[in-house]
Amino acid sequence: DYKVQSLFDMSYCALRQRNFKLALTKLNEIRQHLDLCQNLLIRSIYWNEIYCDVYLKRHQIQSSTSTLSSLLSTSVAKELKKNGN
């Protein structure tokens, strides 16, 4: 249980720093130890809070990045069209 708890702490810190790759790595390490973990509260925290949070935040970042890219290309296209005429 101690190993799982320390991995949780590391993944949470990584998540707070928006280092999603490190957070996911630590969460995947936790997954390997969860079967041996006796504490049901730790399992619950893993699945209901941290794991979902990482995936949701990562998805939100990807969505906003693609939205920004799309807006940027539209703006660039408009400028090029304006300068071309």
PDB file of N, CA and C in Angstrom:
ATOM      1  N   ASP A   1       0.823  -1.206   0.000  1.00  0.00           N
ATOM      2  CA  ASP A   1       0.000   0.000   0.000  1.00  0.00           C
ATOM      3  C   ASP A   1       0.865   1.268   0.000  1.00  0.00           C
ATOM      4  N   TYR A   2       2.019   1.190   0.688  1.00  0.00           N
ATOM      5  CA  TYR A   2       2.911   2.357   0.741  1.00  0.00           C
ATOM      6  C   TYR A   2       3.434   2.701  -0.652  1.00  0.00           C
ATOM      7  N   LYS A   3       3.808   1.667  -1.412  1.00  0.00           N
ATOM      8  CA  LYS A   3       4.333   1.867  -2.774  1.00  0.00           C
ATOM      9  C   LYS A   3       3.270   2.555  -3.641  1.00  0.00           C
ATOM     10  N   VAL A   4       2.044   2.080  -3.549  1.00  0.00           N
ATOM     11  CA  VAL A   4       0.948   2.660  -4.333  1.00  0.00           C
ATOM     12  C   VAL A   4       0.716   4.114  -3.921  1.00  0.00           C
ATOM     13  N   GLN A   5       0.734   4.363  -2.615  1.00  0.00           N
ATOM     14  CA  GLN A   5       0.511   5.726  -2.121  1.00  0.00           C
ATOM     15  C   GLN A   5       1.597   6.682  -2.613  1.00  0.00           C
ATOM     16  N   SER A   6       2.854   6.228  -2.601  1.00  0.00           N
ATOM     17  CA  SER A   6       3.925   7.118  -3.057  1.00  0.00           C
ATOM     18  C   SER A   6       3.832   7.364  -4.564  1.00  0.00           C
ATOM     19  N   LEU A   7       3.424   6.341  -5.328  1.00  0.00           N
ATOM     20  CA  LEU A   7       3.226   6.536  -6.766  1.00  0.00           C
ATOM     21  C   LEU A   7       2.080   7.517  -7.025  1.00  0.00           C
ATOM     22  N   PHE A   8       1.035   7.431  -6.180  1.00  0.00           N
ATOM     23  CA  PHE A   8      -0.073   8.389  -6.272  1.00  0.00           C
ATOM     24  C   PHE A   8       0.431   9.810  -6.085  1.00  0.00           C
ATOM     25  N   ASP A   9       1.260   9.981  -5.047  1.00  0.00           N
ATOM     26  CA  ASP A   9       1.780  11.317  -4.758  1.00  0.00           C
ATOM     27  C   ASP A   9       2.578  11.857  -5.940  1.00  0.00           C
ATOM     28  N   MET A  10       3.403  10.989  -6.526  1.00  0.00           N
ATOM     29  CA  MET A  10       4.214  11.420  -7.670  1.00  0.00           C
ATOM     30  C   MET A  10       3.336  11.780  -8.871  1.00  0.00           C
ATOM     31  N   SER A  11       2.321  10.948  -9.130  1.00  0.00           N
ATOM     32  CA  SER A  11       1.462  11.225 -10.288  1.00  0.00           C
ATOM     33  C   SER A  11       0.646  12.494 -10.061  1.00  0.00           C
ATOM     34  N   TYR A  12       0.228  12.721  -8.813  1.00  0.00           N
ATOM     35  CA  TYR A  12      -0.539  13.927  -8.509  1.00  0.00           C
ATOM     36  C   TYR A  12       0.325  15.177  -8.697  1.00  0.00           C
ATOM     37  N   CYS A  13       1.572  15.106  -8.221  1.00  0.00           N
ATOM     38  CA  CYS A  13       2.485  16.248  -8.394  1.00  0.00           C
ATOM     39  C   CYS A  13       2.724  16.517  -9.876  1.00  0.00           C
ATOM     40  N   ALA A  14       2.917  15.454 -10.641  1.00  0.00           N
ATOM     41  CA  ALA A  14       3.136  15.607 -12.085  1.00  0.00           C
ATOM     42  C   ALA A  14       1.907  16.227 -12.740  1.00  0.00           C
ATOM     43  N   LEU A  15       0.735  15.811 -12.288  1.00  0.00           N
ATOM     44  CA  LEU A  15      -0.512  16.350 -12.838  1.00  0.00           C
ATOM     45  C   LEU A  15      -0.635  17.842 -12.529  1.00  0.00           C
ATOM     46  N   ARG A  16      -0.285  18.222 -11.306  1.00  0.00           N
ATOM     47  CA  ARG A  16      -0.352  19.630 -10.907  1.00  0.00           C
ATOM     48  C   ARG A  16       0.587  20.498 -11.747  1.00  0.00           C
ATOM     49  N   GLN A  17       1.702  19.887 -12.185  1.00  0.00           N
ATOM     50  CA  GLN A  17       2.663  20.623 -13.013  1.00  0.00           C
ATOM     51  C   GLN A  17       2.325  20.498 -14.498  1.00  0.00           C
ATOM     52  N   ARG A  18       1.191  19.891 -14.793  1.00  0.00           N
ATOM     53  CA  ARG A  18       0.706  19.685 -16.163  1.00  0.00           C
ATOM     54  C   ARG A  18       1.659  18.824 -16.988  1.00  0.00           C
ATOM     55  N   ASN A  19       2.382  17.932 -16.295  1.00  0.00           N
ATOM     56  CA  ASN A  19       3.263  16.989 -16.985  1.00  0.00           C
ATOM     57  C   ASN A  19       2.478  15.689 -17.153  1.00  0.00           C
ATOM     58  N   PHE A  20       1.646  15.645 -18.189  1.00  0.00           N
ATOM     59  CA  PHE A  20       0.719  14.531 -18.351  1.00  0.00           C
ATOM     60  C   PHE A  20       1.420  13.222 -18.680  1.00  0.00           C
ATOM     61  N   LYS A  21       2.529  13.316 -19.399  1.00  0.00           N
ATOM     62  CA  LYS A  21       3.247  12.095 -19.762  1.00  0.00           C
ATOM     63  C   LYS A  21       3.779  11.398 -18.506  1.00  0.00           C
ATOM     64  N   LEU A  22       4.394  12.171 -17.602  1.00  0.00           N
ATOM     65  CA  LEU A  22       4.907  11.600 -16.357  1.00  0.00           C
ATOM     66  C   LEU A  22       3.760  11.091 -15.487  1.00  0.00           C
ATOM     67  N   ALA A  23       2.676  11.852 -15.413  1.00  0.00           N
ATOM     68  CA  ALA A  23       1.523  11.435 -14.608  1.00  0.00           C
ATOM     69  C   ALA A  23       0.977  10.103 -15.110  1.00  0.00           C
ATOM     70  N   LEU A  24       0.857   9.956 -16.433  1.00  0.00           N
ATOM     71  CA  LEU A  24       0.348   8.701 -16.994  1.00  0.00           C
ATOM     72  C   LEU A  24       1.305   7.545 -16.740  1.00  0.00           C
ATOM     73  N   THR A  25       2.601   7.823 -16.816  1.00  0.00           N
ATOM     74  CA  THR A  25       3.591   6.779 -16.541  1.00  0.00           C
ATOM     75  C   THR A  25       3.433   6.271 -15.116  1.00  0.00           C
ATOM     76  N   LYS A  26       3.317   7.204 -14.170  1.00  0.00           N
ATOM     77  CA  LYS A  26       3.166   6.817 -12.761  1.00  0.00           C
ATOM     78  C   LYS A  26       1.841   6.082 -12.541  1.00  0.00           C
ATOM     79  N   LEU A  27       0.775   6.539 -13.208  1.00  0.00           N
ATOM     80  CA  LEU A  27      -0.520   5.875 -13.059  1.00  0.00           C
ATOM     81  C   LEU A  27      -0.479   4.459 -13.619  1.00  0.00           C
ATOM     82  N   ASN A  28       0.244   4.264 -14.707  1.00  0.00           N
ATOM     83  CA  ASN A  28       0.372   2.915 -15.257  1.00  0.00           C
ATOM     84  C   ASN A  28       1.169   2.018 -14.319  1.00  0.00           C
ATOM     85  N   GLU A  29       2.152   2.595 -13.613  1.00  0.00           N
ATOM     86  CA  GLU A  29       2.890   1.826 -12.606  1.00  0.00           C
ATOM     87  C   GLU A  29       1.957   1.435 -11.459  1.00  0.00           C
ATOM     88  N   ILE A  30       1.090   2.372 -11.075  1.00  0.00           N
ATOM     89  CA  ILE A  30       0.140   2.091  -9.988  1.00  0.00           C
ATOM     90  C   ILE A  30      -0.763   0.933 -10.382  1.00  0.00           C
ATOM     91  N   ARG A  31      -1.214   0.938 -11.638  1.00  0.00           N
ATOM     92  CA  ARG A  31      -2.141  -0.099 -12.099  1.00  0.00           C
ATOM     93  C   ARG A  31      -1.562  -1.494 -11.860  1.00  0.00           C
ATOM     94  N   GLN A  32      -0.258  -1.639 -12.047  1.00  0.00           N
ATOM     95  CA  GLN A  32       0.390  -2.940 -11.849  1.00  0.00           C
ATOM     96  C   GLN A  32       0.358  -3.376 -10.388  1.00  0.00           C
ATOM     97  N   HIS A  33       0.335  -2.408  -9.471  1.00  0.00           N
ATOM     98  CA  HIS A  33       0.367  -2.730  -8.039  1.00  0.00           C
ATOM     99  C   HIS A  33      -1.018  -2.780  -7.401  1.00  0.00           C
ATOM    100  N   LEU A  34      -2.037  -2.342  -8.129  1.00  0.00           N
ATOM    101  CA  LEU A  34      -3.369  -2.234  -7.519  1.00  0.00           C
ATOM    102  C   LEU A  34      -3.932  -3.573  -7.058  1.00  0.00           C
ATOM    103  N   ASP A  35      -3.653  -4.645  -7.783  1.00  0.00           N
ATOM    104  CA  ASP A  35      -4.190  -5.952  -7.404  1.00  0.00           C
ATOM    105  C   ASP A  35      -3.678  -6.393  -6.040  1.00  0.00           C
ATOM    106  N   LEU A  36      -2.464  -5.967  -5.699  1.00  0.00           N
ATOM    107  CA  LEU A  36      -1.882  -6.336  -4.408  1.00  0.00           C
ATOM    108  C   LEU A  36      -2.297  -5.384  -3.294  1.00  0.00           C
ATOM    109  N   CYS A  37      -2.894  -4.281  -3.678  1.00  0.00           N
ATOM    110  CA  CYS A  37      -3.263  -3.254  -2.708  1.00  0.00           C
ATOM    111  C   CYS A  37      -4.508  -3.682  -1.924  1.00  0.00           C
ATOM    112  N   GLN A  38      -4.410  -3.656  -0.602  1.00  0.00           N
ATOM    113  CA  GLN A  38      -5.518  -4.081   0.253  1.00  0.00           C
ATOM    114  C   GLN A  38      -6.494  -2.936   0.560  1.00  0.00           C
ATOM    115  N   ASN A  39      -6.026  -1.720   0.426  1.00  0.00           N
ATOM    116  CA  ASN A  39      -6.819  -0.560   0.815  1.00  0.00           C
ATOM    117  C   ASN A  39      -7.810  -0.180  -0.296  1.00  0.00           C
ATOM    118  N   LEU A  40      -9.085  -0.394  -0.038  1.00  0.00           N
ATOM    119  CA  LEU A  40     -10.116  -0.114  -1.046  1.00  0.00           C
ATOM    120  C   LEU A  40     -10.242   1.375  -1.347  1.00  0.00           C
ATOM    121  N   LEU A  41      -9.940   2.207  -0.347  1.00  0.00           N
ATOM    122  CA  LEU A  41     -10.008   3.651  -0.552  1.00  0.00           C
ATOM    123  C   LEU A  41      -8.985   4.086  -1.604  1.00  0.00           C
ATOM    124  N   ILE A  42      -7.792   3.503  -1.548  1.00  0.00           N
ATOM    125  CA  ILE A  42      -6.756   3.833  -2.532  1.00  0.00           C
ATOM    126  C   ILE A  42      -7.226   3.442  -3.928  1.00  0.00           C
ATOM    127  N   ARG A  43      -7.834   2.272  -4.053  1.00  0.00           N
ATOM    128  CA  ARG A  43      -8.356   1.847  -5.363  1.00  0.00           C
ATOM    129  C   ARG A  43      -9.408   2.822  -5.869  1.00  0.00           C
ATOM    130  N   SER A  44     -10.274   3.224  -4.975  1.00  0.00           N
ATOM    131  CA  SER A  44     -11.345   4.148  -5.335  1.00  0.00           C
ATOM    132  C   SER A  44     -10.773   5.484  -5.804  1.00  0.00           C
ATOM    133  N   ILE A  45      -9.798   5.996  -5.061  1.00  0.00           N
ATOM    134  CA  ILE A  45      -9.170   7.265  -5.438  1.00  0.00           C
ATOM    135  C   ILE A  45      -8.536   7.130  -6.812  1.00  0.00           C
ATOM    136  N   TYR A  46      -7.865   6.011  -7.028  1.00  0.00           N
ATOM    137  CA  TYR A  46      -7.181   5.798  -8.308  1.00  0.00           C
ATOM    138  C   TYR A  46      -8.157   5.889  -9.465  1.00  0.00           C
ATOM    139  N   TRP A  47      -9.224   5.096  -9.399  1.00  0.00           N
ATOM    140  CA  TRP A  47     -10.136   5.035 -10.544  1.00  0.00           C
ATOM    141  C   TRP A  47     -11.025   6.255 -10.661  1.00  0.00           C
ATOM    142  N   ASN A  48     -11.536   6.729  -9.543  1.00  0.00           N
ATOM    143  CA  ASN A  48     -12.548   7.788  -9.615  1.00  0.00           C
ATOM    144  C   ASN A  48     -11.988   9.189  -9.707  1.00  0.00           C
ATOM    145  N   GLU A  49     -10.786   9.404  -9.192  1.00  0.00           N
ATOM    146  CA  GLU A  49     -10.279  10.770  -9.169  1.00  0.00           C
ATOM    147  C   GLU A  49      -9.084  10.970 -10.081  1.00  0.00           C
ATOM    148  N   ILE A  50      -7.965  10.414  -9.714  1.00  0.00           N
ATOM    149  CA  ILE A  50      -6.729  10.743 -10.422  1.00  0.00           C
ATOM    150  C   ILE A  50      -6.732  10.245 -11.855  1.00  0.00           C
ATOM    151  N   TYR A  51      -7.067   8.986 -12.065  1.00  0.00           N
ATOM    152  CA  TYR A  51      -6.991   8.403 -13.407  1.00  0.00           C
ATOM    153  C   TYR A  51      -7.883   9.174 -14.376  1.00  0.00           C
ATOM    154  N   CYS A  52      -9.120   9.399 -13.969  1.00  0.00           N
ATOM    155  CA  CYS A  52     -10.063  10.126 -14.828  1.00  0.00           C
ATOM    156  C   CYS A  52      -9.596  11.558 -15.045  1.00  0.00           C
ATOM    157  N   ASP A  53      -9.087  12.178 -13.984  1.00  0.00           N
ATOM    158  CA  ASP A  53      -8.634  13.558 -14.059  1.00  0.00           C
ATOM    159  C   ASP A  53      -7.521  13.727 -15.085  1.00  0.00           C
ATOM    160  N   VAL A  54      -6.562  12.803 -15.073  1.00  0.00           N
ATOM    161  CA  VAL A  54      -5.446  12.886 -16.018  1.00  0.00           C
ATOM    162  C   VAL A  54      -5.962  12.774 -17.439  1.00  0.00           C
ATOM    163  N   TYR A  55      -6.819  11.793 -17.679  1.00  0.00           N
ATOM    164  CA  TYR A  55      -7.311  11.598 -19.042  1.00  0.00           C
ATOM    165  C   TYR A  55      -8.175  12.758 -19.501  1.00  0.00           C
ATOM    166  N   LEU A  56      -9.020  13.269 -18.605  1.00  0.00           N
ATOM    167  CA  LEU A  56      -9.869  14.403 -18.982  1.00  0.00           C
ATOM    168  C   LEU A  56      -9.034  15.635 -19.285  1.00  0.00           C
ATOM    169  N   LYS A  57      -8.070  15.920 -18.412  1.00  0.00           N
ATOM    170  CA  LYS A  57      -7.240  17.107 -18.615  1.00  0.00           C
ATOM    171  C   LYS A  57      -6.408  16.974 -19.874  1.00  0.00           C
ATOM    172  N   ARG A  58      -5.882  15.781 -20.112  1.00  0.00           N
ATOM    173  CA  ARG A  58      -5.071  15.584 -21.306  1.00  0.00           C
ATOM    174  C   ARG A  58      -5.932  15.800 -22.554  1.00  0.00           C
ATOM    175  N   HIS A  59      -7.165  15.288 -22.503  1.00  0.00           N
ATOM    176  CA  HIS A  59      -8.075  15.455 -23.636  1.00  0.00           C
ATOM    177  C   HIS A  59      -8.415  16.934 -23.841  1.00  0.00           C
ATOM    178  N   GLN A  60      -8.653  17.654 -22.736  1.00  0.00           N
ATOM    179  CA  GLN A  60      -8.976  19.079 -22.836  1.00  0.00           C
ATOM    180  C   GLN A  60      -7.819  19.852 -23.455  1.00  0.00           C
ATOM    181  N   ILE A  61      -6.596  19.520 -23.053  1.00  0.00           N
ATOM    182  CA  ILE A  61      -5.419  20.202 -23.601  1.00  0.00           C
ATOM    183  C   ILE A  61      -5.326  19.937 -25.101  1.00  0.00           C
ATOM    184  N   GLN A  62      -5.520  18.664 -25.494  1.00  0.00           N
ATOM    185  CA  GLN A  62      -5.452  18.325 -26.915  1.00  0.00           C
ATOM    186  C   GLN A  62      -6.542  19.047 -27.694  1.00  0.00           C
ATOM    187  N   SER A  63      -7.747  19.096 -27.124  1.00  0.00           N
ATOM    188  CA  SER A  63      -8.863  19.775 -27.800  1.00  0.00           C
ATOM    189  C   SER A  63      -8.570  21.255 -27.964  1.00  0.00           C
ATOM    190  N   SER A  64      -8.102  21.903 -26.884  1.00  0.00           N
ATOM    191  CA  SER A  64      -7.852  23.337 -26.999  1.00  0.00           C
ATOM    192  C   SER A  64      -6.684  23.615 -27.922  1.00  0.00           C
ATOM    193  N   THR A  65      -5.702  22.721 -27.972  1.00  0.00           N
ATOM    194  CA  THR A  65      -4.579  22.909 -28.893  1.00  0.00           C
ATOM    195  C   THR A  65      -5.062  22.829 -30.329  1.00  0.00           C
ATOM    196  N   SER A  66      -5.913  21.832 -30.625  1.00  0.00           N
ATOM    197  CA  SER A  66      -6.398  21.712 -32.007  1.00  0.00           C
ATOM    198  C   SER A  66      -7.320  22.875 -32.360  1.00  0.00           C
ATOM    199  N   THR A  67      -8.096  23.356 -31.394  1.00  0.00           N
ATOM    200  CA  THR A  67      -8.956  24.516 -31.643  1.00  0.00           C
ATOM    201  C   THR A  67      -8.103  25.745 -31.945  1.00  0.00           C
ATOM    202  N   LEU A  68      -7.038  25.939 -31.152  1.00  0.00           N
ATOM    203  CA  LEU A  68      -6.151  27.078 -31.388  1.00  0.00           C
ATOM    204  C   LEU A  68      -5.468  26.973 -32.746  1.00  0.00           C
ATOM    205  N   SER A  69      -5.035  25.773 -33.099  1.00  0.00           N
ATOM    206  CA  SER A  69      -4.393  25.567 -34.407  1.00  0.00           C
ATOM    207  C   SER A  69      -5.361  25.914 -35.528  1.00  0.00           C
ATOM    208  N   SER A  70      -6.602  25.475 -35.363  1.00  0.00           N
ATOM    209  CA  SER A  70      -7.623  25.735 -36.372  1.00  0.00           C
ATOM    210  C   SER A  70      -7.872  27.239 -36.512  1.00  0.00           C
ATOM    211  N   LEU A  71      -7.994  27.925 -35.378  1.00  0.00           N
ATOM    212  CA  LEU A  71      -8.216  29.377 -35.408  1.00  0.00           C
ATOM    213  C   LEU A  71      -7.032  30.094 -36.049  1.00  0.00           C
ATOM    214  N   LEU A  72      -5.835  29.628 -35.708  1.00  0.00           N
ATOM    215  CA  LEU A  72      -4.631  30.244 -36.259  1.00  0.00           C
ATOM    216  C   LEU A  72      -4.577  30.075 -37.772  1.00  0.00           C
ATOM    217  N   SER A  73      -4.860  28.854 -38.260  1.00  0.00           N
ATOM    218  CA  SER A  73      -4.818  28.648 -39.717  1.00  0.00           C
ATOM    219  C   SER A  73      -5.872  29.484 -40.423  1.00  0.00           C
ATOM    220  N   THR A  74      -7.045  29.620 -39.808  1.00  0.00           N
ATOM    221  CA  THR A  74      -8.102  30.442 -40.406  1.00  0.00           C
ATOM    222  C   THR A  74      -7.648  31.898 -40.486  1.00  0.00           C
ATOM    223  N   SER A  75      -7.040  32.390 -39.401  1.00  0.00           N
ATOM    224  CA  SER A  75      -6.564  33.780 -39.382  1.00  0.00           C
ATOM    225  C   SER A  75      -5.479  34.001 -40.421  1.00  0.00           C
ATOM    226  N   VAL A  76      -4.550  33.056 -40.511  1.00  0.00           N
ATOM    227  CA  VAL A  76      -3.464  33.165 -41.488  1.00  0.00           C
ATOM    228  C   VAL A  76      -4.037  33.158 -42.902  1.00  0.00           C
ATOM    229  N   ALA A  77      -4.989  32.266 -43.157  1.00  0.00           N
ATOM    230  CA  ALA A  77      -5.613  32.181 -44.485  1.00  0.00           C
ATOM    231  C   ALA A  77      -6.300  33.500 -44.839  1.00  0.00           C
ATOM    232  N   LYS A  78      -6.995  34.102 -43.867  1.00  0.00           N
ATOM    233  CA  LYS A  78      -7.680  35.381 -44.117  1.00  0.00           C
ATOM    234  C   LYS A  78      -6.671  36.475 -44.445  1.00  0.00           C
ATOM    235  N   GLU A  79      -5.570  36.507 -43.680  1.00  0.00           N
ATOM    236  CA  GLU A  79      -4.535  37.520 -43.925  1.00  0.00           C
ATOM    237  C   GLU A  79      -3.917  37.345 -45.308  1.00  0.00           C
ATOM    238  N   LEU A  80      -3.632  36.096 -45.673  1.00  0.00           N
ATOM    239  CA  LEU A  80      -3.037  35.827 -46.982  1.00  0.00           C
ATOM    240  C   LEU A  80      -3.984  36.249 -48.102  1.00  0.00           C
ATOM    241  N   LYS A  81      -5.268  35.948 -47.888  1.00  0.00           N
ATOM    242  CA  LYS A  81      -6.272  36.302 -48.900  1.00  0.00           C
ATOM    243  C   LYS A  81      -6.369  37.824 -49.026  1.00  0.00           C
ATOM    244  N   LYS A  82      -6.347  38.509 -47.856  1.00  0.00           N
ATOM    245  CA  LYS A  82      -6.432  39.962 -47.830  1.00  0.00           C
ATOM    246  C   LYS A  82      -5.224  40.580 -48.552  1.00  0.00           C
ATOM    247  N   ASN A  83      -4.047  40.055 -48.281  1.00  0.00           N
ATOM    248  CA  ASN A  83      -2.826  40.589 -48.891  1.00  0.00           C
ATOM    249  C   ASN A  83      -2.708  40.210 -50.363  1.00  0.00           C
ATOM    250  N   GLY A  84      -3.348  39.124 -50.747  1.00  0.00           N
ATOM    251  CA  GLY A  84      -3.285  38.662 -52.130  1.00  0.00           C
ATOM    252  C   GLY A  84      -4.141  39.494 -53.066  1.00  0.00           C
ATOM    253  N   ASN A  85      -5.176  40.145 -52.537  1.00  0.00           N
ATOM    254  CA  ASN A  85      -6.097  40.913 -53.401  1.00  0.00           C
ATOM    255  C   ASN A  85      -5.633  42.314 -53.623  1.00  0.00           C
TER     256      ASN A  85
END
